[in-house]
Full PDB file with SEQRES, HELIX, SHEET, SSBOND, CRYST1, ORIGX, SCALE, CONECT and MASTER records, all heavy atoms in Angstrom:
SEQRES   1 A   39  ASP ALA ALA GLY PHE THR GLU VAL GLU ALA ALA LEU ALA          
SEQRES   2 A   39  GLY ARG LEU ARG LEU VAL GLU GLN GLY ASN LEU GLY GLY          
SEQRES   3 A   39  SER GLY GLY PHE SER ARG THR MET TYR GLU SER LEU THR          
HELIX    1 AA1 PHE A    5  ALA A   11  1                                   7    
HELIX    2 AA2 GLY A   25  LEU A   38  1                                  14    
CRYST1    1.000    1.000    1.000  90.00  90.00  90.00 P 1           1          
ORIGX1      1.000000  0.000000  0.000000        0.00000                         
ORIGX2      0.000000  1.000000  0.000000        0.00000                         
ORIGX3      0.000000  0.000000  1.000000        0.00000                         
SCALE1      1.000000  0.000000  0.000000        0.00000                         
SCALE2      0.000000  1.000000  0.000000        0.00000                         
SCALE3      0.000000  0.000000  1.000000        0.00000                         
ATOM      1  N   ASP A   1     -12.690   3.480  -0.637  1.00  0.00           N  
ATOM      2  CA  ASP A   1     -12.680   4.634  -1.524  1.00  0.00           C  
ATOM      3  C   ASP A   1     -11.660   5.649  -1.200  1.00  0.00           C  
ATOM      4  O   ASP A   1     -11.508   6.667  -1.877  1.00  0.00           O  
ATOM      5  CB  ASP A   1     -14.111   5.266  -1.490  1.00  0.00           C  
ATOM      6  CG  ASP A   1     -15.185   4.375  -2.037  1.00  0.00           C  
ATOM      7  OD1 ASP A   1     -14.882   3.523  -2.884  1.00  0.00           O  
ATOM      8  OD2 ASP A   1     -16.332   4.467  -1.527  1.00  0.00           O  
ATOM      9  N   ALA A   2     -10.904   5.431  -0.096  1.00  0.00           N  
ATOM     10  CA  ALA A   2      -9.961   6.439   0.373  1.00  0.00           C  
ATOM     11  C   ALA A   2      -8.711   6.416  -0.531  1.00  0.00           C  
ATOM     12  O   ALA A   2      -8.284   5.380  -1.045  1.00  0.00           O  
ATOM     13  CB  ALA A   2      -9.588   6.169   1.814  1.00  0.00           C  
ATOM     14  N   ALA A   3      -8.070   7.581  -0.590  1.00  0.00           N  
ATOM     15  CA  ALA A   3      -6.840   7.708  -1.320  1.00  0.00           C  
ATOM     16  C   ALA A   3      -5.754   6.817  -0.714  1.00  0.00           C  
ATOM     17  O   ALA A   3      -5.577   6.820   0.549  1.00  0.00           O  
ATOM     18  CB  ALA A   3      -6.339   9.137  -1.325  1.00  0.00           C  
ATOM     19  N   GLY A   4      -5.055   6.060  -1.461  1.00  0.00           N  
ATOM     20  CA  GLY A   4      -3.983   5.220  -1.009  1.00  0.00           C  
ATOM     21  C   GLY A   4      -4.422   3.816  -0.653  1.00  0.00           C  
ATOM     22  O   GLY A   4      -3.547   2.946  -0.383  1.00  0.00           O  
ATOM     23  N   PHE A   5      -5.714   3.513  -0.710  1.00  0.00           N  
ATOM     24  CA  PHE A   5      -6.183   2.192  -0.271  1.00  0.00           C  
ATOM     25  C   PHE A   5      -5.671   1.114  -1.204  1.00  0.00           C  
ATOM     26  O   PHE A   5      -5.209   0.062  -0.812  1.00  0.00           O  
ATOM     27  CB  PHE A   5      -7.694   2.135  -0.146  1.00  0.00           C  
ATOM     28  CG  PHE A   5      -8.227   0.729   0.131  1.00  0.00           C  
ATOM     29  CD1 PHE A   5      -8.086   0.195   1.423  1.00  0.00           C  
ATOM     30  CD2 PHE A   5      -8.737  -0.027  -0.889  1.00  0.00           C  
ATOM     31  CE1 PHE A   5      -8.546  -1.112   1.671  1.00  0.00           C  
ATOM     32  CE2 PHE A   5      -9.184  -1.304  -0.615  1.00  0.00           C  
ATOM     33  CZ  PHE A   5      -9.080  -1.827   0.657  1.00  0.00           C  
ATOM     34  N   THR A   6      -5.817   1.377  -2.543  1.00  0.00           N  
ATOM     35  CA  THR A   6      -5.375   0.387  -3.524  1.00  0.00           C  
ATOM     36  C   THR A   6      -3.907   0.024  -3.354  1.00  0.00           C  
ATOM     37  O   THR A   6      -3.507  -1.146  -3.413  1.00  0.00           O  
ATOM     38  CB  THR A   6      -5.636   0.880  -4.931  1.00  0.00           C  
ATOM     39  OG1 THR A   6      -7.070   1.211  -5.042  1.00  0.00           O  
ATOM     40  CG2 THR A   6      -5.291  -0.129  -5.993  1.00  0.00           C  
ATOM     41  N   GLU A   7      -3.060   1.036  -3.064  1.00  0.00           N  
ATOM     42  CA  GLU A   7      -1.636   0.842  -2.989  1.00  0.00           C  
ATOM     43  C   GLU A   7      -1.353  -0.006  -1.724  1.00  0.00           C  
ATOM     44  O   GLU A   7      -0.492  -0.865  -1.761  1.00  0.00           O  
ATOM     45  CB  GLU A   7      -0.916   2.167  -3.013  1.00  0.00           C  
ATOM     46  CG  GLU A   7      -0.935   2.946  -4.294  1.00  0.00           C  
ATOM     47  CD  GLU A   7      -2.266   3.704  -4.526  1.00  0.00           C  
ATOM     48  OE1 GLU A   7      -3.114   3.641  -3.626  1.00  0.00           O  
ATOM     49  OE2 GLU A   7      -2.373   4.304  -5.566  1.00  0.00           O  
ATOM     50  N   VAL A   8      -1.964   0.376  -0.617  1.00  0.00           N  
ATOM     51  CA  VAL A   8      -1.650  -0.360   0.625  1.00  0.00           C  
ATOM     52  C   VAL A   8      -2.205  -1.796   0.597  1.00  0.00           C  
ATOM     53  O   VAL A   8      -1.647  -2.712   1.159  1.00  0.00           O  
ATOM     54  CB  VAL A   8      -2.105   0.394   1.882  1.00  0.00           C  
ATOM     55  CG1 VAL A   8      -3.633   0.268   2.059  1.00  0.00           C  
ATOM     56  CG2 VAL A   8      -1.395  -0.072   3.114  1.00  0.00           C  
ATOM     57  N   GLU A   9      -3.316  -1.954  -0.089  1.00  0.00           N  
ATOM     58  CA  GLU A   9      -3.850  -3.356  -0.293  1.00  0.00           C  
ATOM     59  C   GLU A   9      -2.864  -4.206  -1.049  1.00  0.00           C  
ATOM     60  O   GLU A   9      -2.618  -5.373  -0.691  1.00  0.00           O  
ATOM     61  CB  GLU A   9      -5.216  -3.277  -1.016  1.00  0.00           C  
ATOM     62  CG  GLU A   9      -5.851  -4.656  -1.175  1.00  0.00           C  
ATOM     63  CD  GLU A   9      -7.183  -4.513  -1.935  1.00  0.00           C  
ATOM     64  OE1 GLU A   9      -7.297  -3.641  -2.805  1.00  0.00           O  
ATOM     65  OE2 GLU A   9      -8.089  -5.321  -1.626  1.00  0.00           O  
ATOM     66  N   ALA A  10      -2.236  -3.611  -2.073  1.00  0.00           N  
ATOM     67  CA  ALA A  10      -1.245  -4.344  -2.842  1.00  0.00           C  
ATOM     68  C   ALA A  10      -0.023  -4.598  -2.033  1.00  0.00           C  
ATOM     69  O   ALA A  10       0.578  -5.708  -2.088  1.00  0.00           O  
ATOM     70  CB  ALA A  10      -0.874  -3.551  -4.094  1.00  0.00           C  
ATOM     71  N   ALA A  11       0.407  -3.667  -1.174  1.00  0.00           N  
ATOM     72  CA  ALA A  11       1.570  -3.820  -0.349  1.00  0.00           C  
ATOM     73  C   ALA A  11       1.382  -4.949   0.638  1.00  0.00           C  
ATOM     74  O   ALA A  11       2.345  -5.645   1.029  1.00  0.00           O  
ATOM     75  CB  ALA A  11       1.917  -2.502   0.368  1.00  0.00           C  
ATOM     76  N   LEU A  12       0.148  -5.145   1.104  1.00  0.00           N  
ATOM     77  CA  LEU A  12      -0.106  -6.209   2.075  1.00  0.00           C  
ATOM     78  C   LEU A  12      -0.268  -7.557   1.393  1.00  0.00           C  
ATOM     79  O   LEU A  12      -0.406  -8.578   2.090  1.00  0.00           O  
ATOM     80  CB  LEU A  12      -1.354  -5.893   2.918  1.00  0.00           C  
ATOM     81  CG  LEU A  12      -1.141  -4.787   3.985  1.00  0.00           C  
ATOM     82  CD1 LEU A  12      -2.483  -4.306   4.543  1.00  0.00           C  
ATOM     83  CD2 LEU A  12      -0.197  -5.249   5.064  1.00  0.00           C  
ATOM     84  N   ALA A  13      -0.253  -7.565   0.092  1.00  0.00           N  
ATOM     85  CA  ALA A  13      -0.122  -8.795  -0.723  1.00  0.00           C  
ATOM     86  C   ALA A  13      -1.126  -9.882  -0.324  1.00  0.00           C  
ATOM     87  O   ALA A  13      -0.716 -11.015   0.057  1.00  0.00           O  
ATOM     88  CB  ALA A  13       1.275  -9.321  -0.645  1.00  0.00           C  
ATOM     89  N   GLY A  14      -2.410  -9.608  -0.415  1.00  0.00           N  
ATOM     90  CA  GLY A  14      -3.423 -10.588  -0.104  1.00  0.00           C  
ATOM     91  C   GLY A  14      -3.698 -10.841   1.372  1.00  0.00           C  
ATOM     92  O   GLY A  14      -4.529 -11.723   1.703  1.00  0.00           O  
ATOM     93  N   ARG A  15      -3.098 -10.042   2.227  1.00  0.00           N  
ATOM     94  CA  ARG A  15      -3.308 -10.322   3.676  1.00  0.00           C  
ATOM     95  C   ARG A  15      -4.316  -9.309   4.290  1.00  0.00           C  
ATOM     96  O   ARG A  15      -4.564  -9.368   5.506  1.00  0.00           O  
ATOM     97  CB  ARG A  15      -1.985 -10.176   4.369  1.00  0.00           C  
ATOM     98  CG  ARG A  15      -1.054 -11.358   4.204  1.00  0.00           C  
ATOM     99  CD  ARG A  15       0.307 -11.145   4.781  1.00  0.00           C  
ATOM    100  NE  ARG A  15       1.079 -10.188   3.976  1.00  0.00           N  
ATOM    101  CZ  ARG A  15       2.351  -9.821   4.255  1.00  0.00           C  
ATOM    102  NH1 ARG A  15       2.974 -10.263   5.308  1.00  0.00           N  
ATOM    103  NH2 ARG A  15       2.978  -8.951   3.413  1.00  0.00           N  
ATOM    104  N   LEU A  16      -4.939  -8.501   3.461  1.00  0.00           N  
ATOM    105  CA  LEU A  16      -5.983  -7.533   3.935  1.00  0.00           C  
ATOM    106  C   LEU A  16      -7.330  -8.138   3.704  1.00  0.00           C  
ATOM    107  O   LEU A  16      -7.710  -8.484   2.605  1.00  0.00           O  
ATOM    108  CB  LEU A  16      -5.851  -6.228   3.250  1.00  0.00           C  
ATOM    109  CG  LEU A  16      -6.872  -5.145   3.631  1.00  0.00           C  
ATOM    110  CD1 LEU A  16      -6.829  -4.817   5.122  1.00  0.00           C  
ATOM    111  CD2 LEU A  16      -6.682  -3.875   2.785  1.00  0.00           C  
ATOM    112  N   ARG A  17      -8.135  -8.231   4.770  1.00  0.00           N  
ATOM    113  CA  ARG A  17      -9.496  -8.692   4.718  1.00  0.00           C  
ATOM    114  C   ARG A  17     -10.425  -7.566   5.160  1.00  0.00           C  
ATOM    115  O   ARG A  17     -10.464  -7.223   6.317  1.00  0.00           O  
ATOM    116  CB  ARG A  17      -9.701  -9.922   5.593  1.00  0.00           C  
ATOM    117  CG  ARG A  17     -11.077 -10.605   5.515  1.00  0.00           C  
ATOM    118  CD  ARG A  17     -11.147 -11.822   6.341  1.00  0.00           C  
ATOM    119  NE  ARG A  17     -12.467 -12.443   6.211  1.00  0.00           N  
ATOM    120  CZ  ARG A  17     -12.827 -13.282   5.260  1.00  0.00           C  
ATOM    121  NH1 ARG A  17     -11.947 -13.577   4.324  1.00  0.00           N  
ATOM    122  NH2 ARG A  17     -14.003 -13.813   5.211  1.00  0.00           N  
ATOM    123  N   LEU A  18     -11.140  -6.964   4.209  1.00  0.00           N  
ATOM    124  CA  LEU A  18     -11.988  -5.823   4.509  1.00  0.00           C  
ATOM    125  C   LEU A  18     -13.420  -6.334   4.585  1.00  0.00           C  
ATOM    126  O   LEU A  18     -13.982  -6.896   3.597  1.00  0.00           O  
ATOM    127  CB  LEU A  18     -11.883  -4.767   3.384  1.00  0.00           C  
ATOM    128  CG  LEU A  18     -12.721  -3.549   3.478  1.00  0.00           C  
ATOM    129  CD1 LEU A  18     -12.420  -2.713   4.728  1.00  0.00           C  
ATOM    130  CD2 LEU A  18     -12.612  -2.708   2.224  1.00  0.00           C  
ATOM    131  N   VAL A  19     -14.099  -6.054   5.725  1.00  0.00           N  
ATOM    132  CA  VAL A  19     -15.532  -6.433   5.876  1.00  0.00           C  
ATOM    133  C   VAL A  19     -16.277  -5.138   6.179  1.00  0.00           C  
ATOM    134  O   VAL A  19     -15.809  -4.258   6.889  1.00  0.00           O  
ATOM    135  CB  VAL A  19     -15.717  -7.469   6.967  1.00  0.00           C  
ATOM    136  CG1 VAL A  19     -15.117  -8.804   6.551  1.00  0.00           C  
ATOM    137  CG2 VAL A  19     -15.179  -6.987   8.298  1.00  0.00           C  
ATOM    138  N   GLU A  20     -17.463  -5.022   5.654  1.00  0.00           N  
ATOM    139  CA  GLU A  20     -18.316  -3.877   5.850  1.00  0.00           C  
ATOM    140  C   GLU A  20     -19.625  -4.291   6.563  1.00  0.00           C  
ATOM    141  O   GLU A  20     -20.198  -5.329   6.212  1.00  0.00           O  
ATOM    142  CB  GLU A  20     -18.622  -3.216   4.513  1.00  0.00           C  
ATOM    143  CG  GLU A  20     -17.332  -2.620   3.840  1.00  0.00           C  
ATOM    144  CD  GLU A  20     -17.617  -2.053   2.493  1.00  0.00           C  
ATOM    145  OE1 GLU A  20     -18.784  -2.174   1.959  1.00  0.00           O  
ATOM    146  OE2 GLU A  20     -16.722  -1.420   1.907  1.00  0.00           O  
ATOM    147  N   GLN A  21     -20.035  -3.515   7.501  1.00  0.00           N  
ATOM    148  CA  GLN A  21     -21.256  -3.805   8.228  1.00  0.00           C  
ATOM    149  C   GLN A  21     -21.817  -2.470   8.786  1.00  0.00           C  
ATOM    150  O   GLN A  21     -21.210  -1.407   8.680  1.00  0.00           O  
ATOM    151  CB  GLN A  21     -20.989  -4.741   9.392  1.00  0.00           C  
ATOM    152  CG  GLN A  21     -20.083  -4.220  10.464  1.00  0.00           C  
ATOM    153  CD  GLN A  21     -19.766  -5.235  11.586  1.00  0.00           C  
ATOM    154  OE1 GLN A  21     -19.724  -6.422  11.319  1.00  0.00           O  
ATOM    155  NE2 GLN A  21     -19.590  -4.774  12.800  1.00  0.00           N  
ATOM    156  N   GLY A  22     -23.061  -2.547   9.286  1.00  0.00           N  
ATOM    157  CA  GLY A  22     -23.644  -1.348   9.915  1.00  0.00           C  
ATOM    158  C   GLY A  22     -22.907  -0.991  11.191  1.00  0.00           C  
ATOM    159  O   GLY A  22     -22.063  -1.785  11.696  1.00  0.00           O  
ATOM    160  N   ASN A  23     -23.193   0.146  11.725  1.00  0.00           N  
ATOM    161  CA  ASN A  23     -22.446   0.649  12.870  1.00  0.00           C  
ATOM    162  C   ASN A  23     -22.910  -0.035  14.162  1.00  0.00           C  
ATOM    163  O   ASN A  23     -24.003   0.260  14.725  1.00  0.00           O  
ATOM    164  CB  ASN A  23     -22.643   2.160  12.978  1.00  0.00           C  
ATOM    165  CG  ASN A  23     -21.719   2.757  14.082  1.00  0.00           C  
ATOM    166  OD1 ASN A  23     -20.787   2.084  14.566  1.00  0.00           O  
ATOM    167  ND2 ASN A  23     -22.041   3.979  14.498  1.00  0.00           N  
ATOM    168  N   LEU A  24     -22.058  -0.946  14.637  1.00  0.00           N  
ATOM    169  CA  LEU A  24     -22.328  -1.671  15.915  1.00  0.00           C  
ATOM    170  C   LEU A  24     -21.354  -1.214  17.002  1.00  0.00           C  
ATOM    171  O   LEU A  24     -21.188  -1.868  18.012  1.00  0.00           O  
ATOM    172  CB  LEU A  24     -22.182  -3.183  15.729  1.00  0.00           C  
ATOM    173  CG  LEU A  24     -23.097  -3.752  14.600  1.00  0.00           C  
ATOM    174  CD1 LEU A  24     -22.882  -5.288  14.504  1.00  0.00           C  
ATOM    175  CD2 LEU A  24     -24.592  -3.490  14.985  1.00  0.00           C  
ATOM    176  N   GLY A  25     -20.699  -0.004  16.760  1.00  0.00           N  
ATOM    177  CA  GLY A  25     -19.844   0.512  17.807  1.00  0.00           C  
ATOM    178  C   GLY A  25     -18.521  -0.218  17.864  1.00  0.00           C  
ATOM    179  O   GLY A  25     -18.225  -1.128  17.089  1.00  0.00           O  
ATOM    180  N   GLY A  26     -17.663   0.179  18.846  1.00  0.00           N  
ATOM    181  CA  GLY A  26     -16.412  -0.462  19.034  1.00  0.00           C  
ATOM    182  C   GLY A  26     -16.544  -1.941  19.385  1.00  0.00           C  
ATOM    183  O   GLY A  26     -15.795  -2.770  18.912  1.00  0.00           O  
ATOM    184  N   SER A  27     -17.555  -2.201  20.248  1.00  0.00           N  
ATOM    185  CA  SER A  27     -17.698  -3.619  20.692  1.00  0.00           C  
ATOM    186  C   SER A  27     -18.085  -4.477  19.510  1.00  0.00           C  
ATOM    187  O   SER A  27     -17.615  -5.615  19.341  1.00  0.00           O  
ATOM    188  CB  SER A  27     -18.752  -3.708  21.802  1.00  0.00           C  
ATOM    189  OG  SER A  27     -20.050  -3.441  21.316  1.00  0.00           O  
ATOM    190  N   GLY A  28     -18.933  -3.978  18.572  1.00  0.00           N  
ATOM    191  CA  GLY A  28     -19.348  -4.730  17.418  1.00  0.00           C  
ATOM    192  C   GLY A  28     -18.274  -4.844  16.363  1.00  0.00           C  
ATOM    193  O   GLY A  28     -18.090  -5.862  15.730  1.00  0.00           O  
ATOM    194  N   GLY A  29     -17.531  -3.729  16.204  1.00  0.00           N  
ATOM    195  CA  GLY A  29     -16.449  -3.728  15.222  1.00  0.00           C  
ATOM    196  C   GLY A  29     -15.315  -4.624  15.601  1.00  0.00           C  
ATOM    197  O   GLY A  29     -14.806  -5.389  14.785  1.00  0.00           O  
ATOM    198  N   PHE A  30     -14.883  -4.530  16.845  1.00  0.00           N  
ATOM    199  CA  PHE A  30     -13.754  -5.372  17.305  1.00  0.00           C  
ATOM    200  C   PHE A  30     -14.162  -6.821  17.412  1.00  0.00           C  
ATOM    201  O   PHE A  30     -13.398  -7.740  17.111  1.00  0.00           O  
ATOM    202  CB  PHE A  30     -13.188  -4.874  18.587  1.00  0.00           C  
ATOM    203  CG  PHE A  30     -12.293  -3.668  18.476  1.00  0.00           C  
ATOM    204  CD1 PHE A  30     -12.550  -2.492  19.204  1.00  0.00           C  
ATOM    205  CD2 PHE A  30     -11.203  -3.713  17.632  1.00  0.00           C  
ATOM    206  CE1 PHE A  30     -11.776  -1.426  19.072  1.00  0.00           C  
ATOM    207  CE2 PHE A  30     -10.379  -2.634  17.509  1.00  0.00           C  
ATOM    208  CZ  PHE A  30     -10.637  -1.428  18.209  1.00  0.00           C  
ATOM    209  N   SER A  31     -15.435  -7.098  17.794  1.00  0.00           N  
ATOM    210  CA  SER A  31     -15.890  -8.466  17.840  1.00  0.00           C  
ATOM    211  C   SER A  31     -15.951  -9.044  16.428  1.00  0.00           C  
ATOM    212  O   SER A  31     -15.667 -10.225  16.235  1.00  0.00           O  
ATOM    213  CB  SER A  31     -17.266  -8.518  18.500  1.00  0.00           C  
ATOM    214  OG  SER A  31     -17.241  -8.262  19.869  1.00  0.00           O  
ATOM    215  N   ARG A  32     -16.279  -8.204  15.412  1.00  0.00           N  
ATOM    216  CA  ARG A  32     -16.269  -8.710  14.063  1.00  0.00           C  
ATOM    217  C   ARG A  32     -14.810  -9.136  13.632  1.00  0.00           C  
ATOM    218  O   ARG A  32     -14.641 -10.172  12.998  1.00  0.00           O  
ATOM    219  CB  ARG A  32     -16.799  -7.634  13.097  1.00  0.00           C  
ATOM    220  CG  ARG A  32     -16.830  -8.106  11.631  1.00  0.00           C  
ATOM    221  CD  ARG A  32     -17.764  -9.313  11.447  1.00  0.00           C  
ATOM    222  NE  ARG A  32     -17.751  -9.834  10.083  1.00  0.00           N  
ATOM    223  CZ  ARG A  32     -18.664  -9.452   9.124  1.00  0.00           C  
ATOM    224  NH1 ARG A  32     -19.525  -8.489   9.441  1.00  0.00           N  
ATOM    225  NH2 ARG A  32     -18.638  -9.997   7.980  1.00  0.00           N  
ATOM    226  N   THR A  33     -13.838  -8.333  14.047  1.00  0.00           N  
ATOM    227  CA  THR A  33     -12.489  -8.719  13.634  1.00  0.00           C  
ATOM    228  C   THR A  33     -12.028  -9.967  14.381  1.00  0.00           C  
ATOM    229  O   THR A  33     -11.345 -10.845  13.829  1.00  0.00           O  
ATOM    230  CB  THR A  33     -11.454  -7.570  13.963  1.00  0.00           C  
ATOM    231  OG1 THR A  33     -11.236  -7.435  15.364  1.00  0.00           O  
ATOM    232  CG2 THR A  33     -11.928  -6.282  13.367  1.00  0.00           C  
ATOM    233  N   MET A  34     -12.530 -10.142  15.652  1.00  0.00           N  
ATOM    234  CA  MET A  34     -12.238 -11.403  16.331  1.00  0.00           C  
ATOM    235  C   MET A  34     -12.861 -12.566  15.677  1.00  0.00           C  
ATOM    236  O   MET A  34     -12.281 -13.629  15.487  1.00  0.00           O  
ATOM    237  CB  MET A  34     -12.781 -11.293  17.798  1.00  0.00           C  
ATOM    238  CG  MET A  34     -12.054 -10.351  18.738  1.00  0.00           C  
ATOM    239  SD  MET A  34     -12.895 -10.295  20.348  1.00  0.00           S  
ATOM    240  CE  MET A  34     -11.665  -9.445  21.333  1.00  0.00           C  
ATOM    241  N   TYR A  35     -14.131 -12.380  15.209  1.00  0.00           N  
ATOM    242  CA  TYR A  35     -14.844 -13.439  14.498  1.00  0.00           C  
ATOM    243  C   TYR A  35     -14.098 -13.846  13.246  1.00  0.00           C  
ATOM    244  O   TYR A  35     -13.918 -15.055  12.972  1.00  0.00           O  
ATOM    245  CB  TYR A  35     -16.267 -12.980  14.242  1.00  0.00           C  
ATOM    246  CG  TYR A  35     -17.111 -14.039  13.557  1.00  0.00           C  
ATOM    247  CD1 TYR A  35     -17.717 -15.030  14.257  1.00  0.00           C  
ATOM    248  CD2 TYR A  35     -17.262 -14.007  12.146  1.00  0.00           C  
ATOM    249  CE1 TYR A  35     -18.459 -16.040  13.594  1.00  0.00           C  
ATOM    250  CE2 TYR A  35     -17.975 -14.971  11.483  1.00  0.00           C  
ATOM    251  CZ  TYR A  35     -18.637 -15.947  12.206  1.00  0.00           C  
ATOM    252  OH  TYR A  35     -19.363 -16.945  11.567  1.00  0.00           O  
ATOM    253  N   GLU A  36     -13.665 -12.881  12.485  1.00  0.00           N  
ATOM    254  CA  GLU A  36     -13.021 -13.146  11.202  1.00  0.00           C  
ATOM    255  C   GLU A  36     -11.670 -13.856  11.485  1.00  0.00           C  
ATOM    256  O   GLU A  36     -11.280 -14.729  10.740  1.00  0.00           O  
ATOM    257  CB  GLU A  36     -12.779 -11.829  10.435  1.00  0.00           C  
ATOM    258  CG  GLU A  36     -14.037 -11.135  10.003  1.00  0.00           C  
ATOM    259  CD  GLU A  36     -14.858 -11.933   9.021  1.00  0.00           C  
ATOM    260  OE1 GLU A  36     -14.251 -12.628   8.143  1.00  0.00           O  
ATOM    261  OE2 GLU A  36     -16.111 -11.886   9.081  1.00  0.00           O  
ATOM    262  N   SER A  37     -10.977 -13.439  12.545  1.00  0.00           N  
ATOM    263  CA  SER A  37      -9.710 -14.081  12.843  1.00  0.00           C  
ATOM    264  C   SER A  37      -9.882 -15.549  13.253  1.00  0.00           C  
ATOM    265  O   SER A  37      -9.152 -16.423  12.827  1.00  0.00           O  
ATOM    266  CB  SER A  37      -9.026 -13.333  13.977  1.00  0.00           C  
ATOM    267  OG  SER A  37      -7.784 -13.939  14.381  1.00  0.00           O  
ATOM    268  N   LEU A  38     -10.929 -15.806  14.049  1.00  0.00           N  
ATOM    269  CA  LEU A  38     -11.188 -17.199  14.478  1.00  0.00           C  
ATOM    270  C   LEU A  38     -11.621 -18.085  13.296  1.00  0.00           C  
ATOM    271  O   LEU A  38     -11.295 -19.250  13.212  1.00  0.00           O  
ATOM    272  CB  LEU A  38     -12.215 -17.237  15.575  1.00  0.00           C  
ATOM    273  CG  LEU A  38     -11.780 -16.852  16.963  1.00  0.00           C  
ATOM    274  CD1 LEU A  38     -12.919 -17.094  17.960  1.00  0.00           C  
ATOM    275  CD2 LEU A  38     -10.555 -17.615  17.432  1.00  0.00           C  
ATOM    276  N   THR A  39     -12.483 -17.538  12.433  1.00  0.00           N  
ATOM    277  CA  THR A  39     -13.110 -18.389  11.449  1.00  0.00           C  
ATOM    278  C   THR A  39     -12.359 -18.413  10.111  1.00  0.00           C  
ATOM    279  O   THR A  39     -12.633 -19.323   9.282  1.00  0.00           O  
ATOM    280  CB  THR A  39     -14.550 -17.955  11.185  1.00  0.00           C  
ATOM    281  OG1 THR A  39     -14.555 -16.526  10.777  1.00  0.00           O  
ATOM    282  CG2 THR A  39     -15.368 -18.058  12.470  1.00  0.00           C  
TER     283      THR A  39                                                      
MASTER        0    0    0    2    0    0    0    6  282    1    0    3          
END                                                                             
């Protein structure tokens, strides 16, 4: 919902993967990005 998100999503041309989850802190957030990268 942030200003500029639509434009930067287009600039990354399909390479942006946005996932939403509850707050699991830095360890949970970074682990989620690791999981998405691996899978």
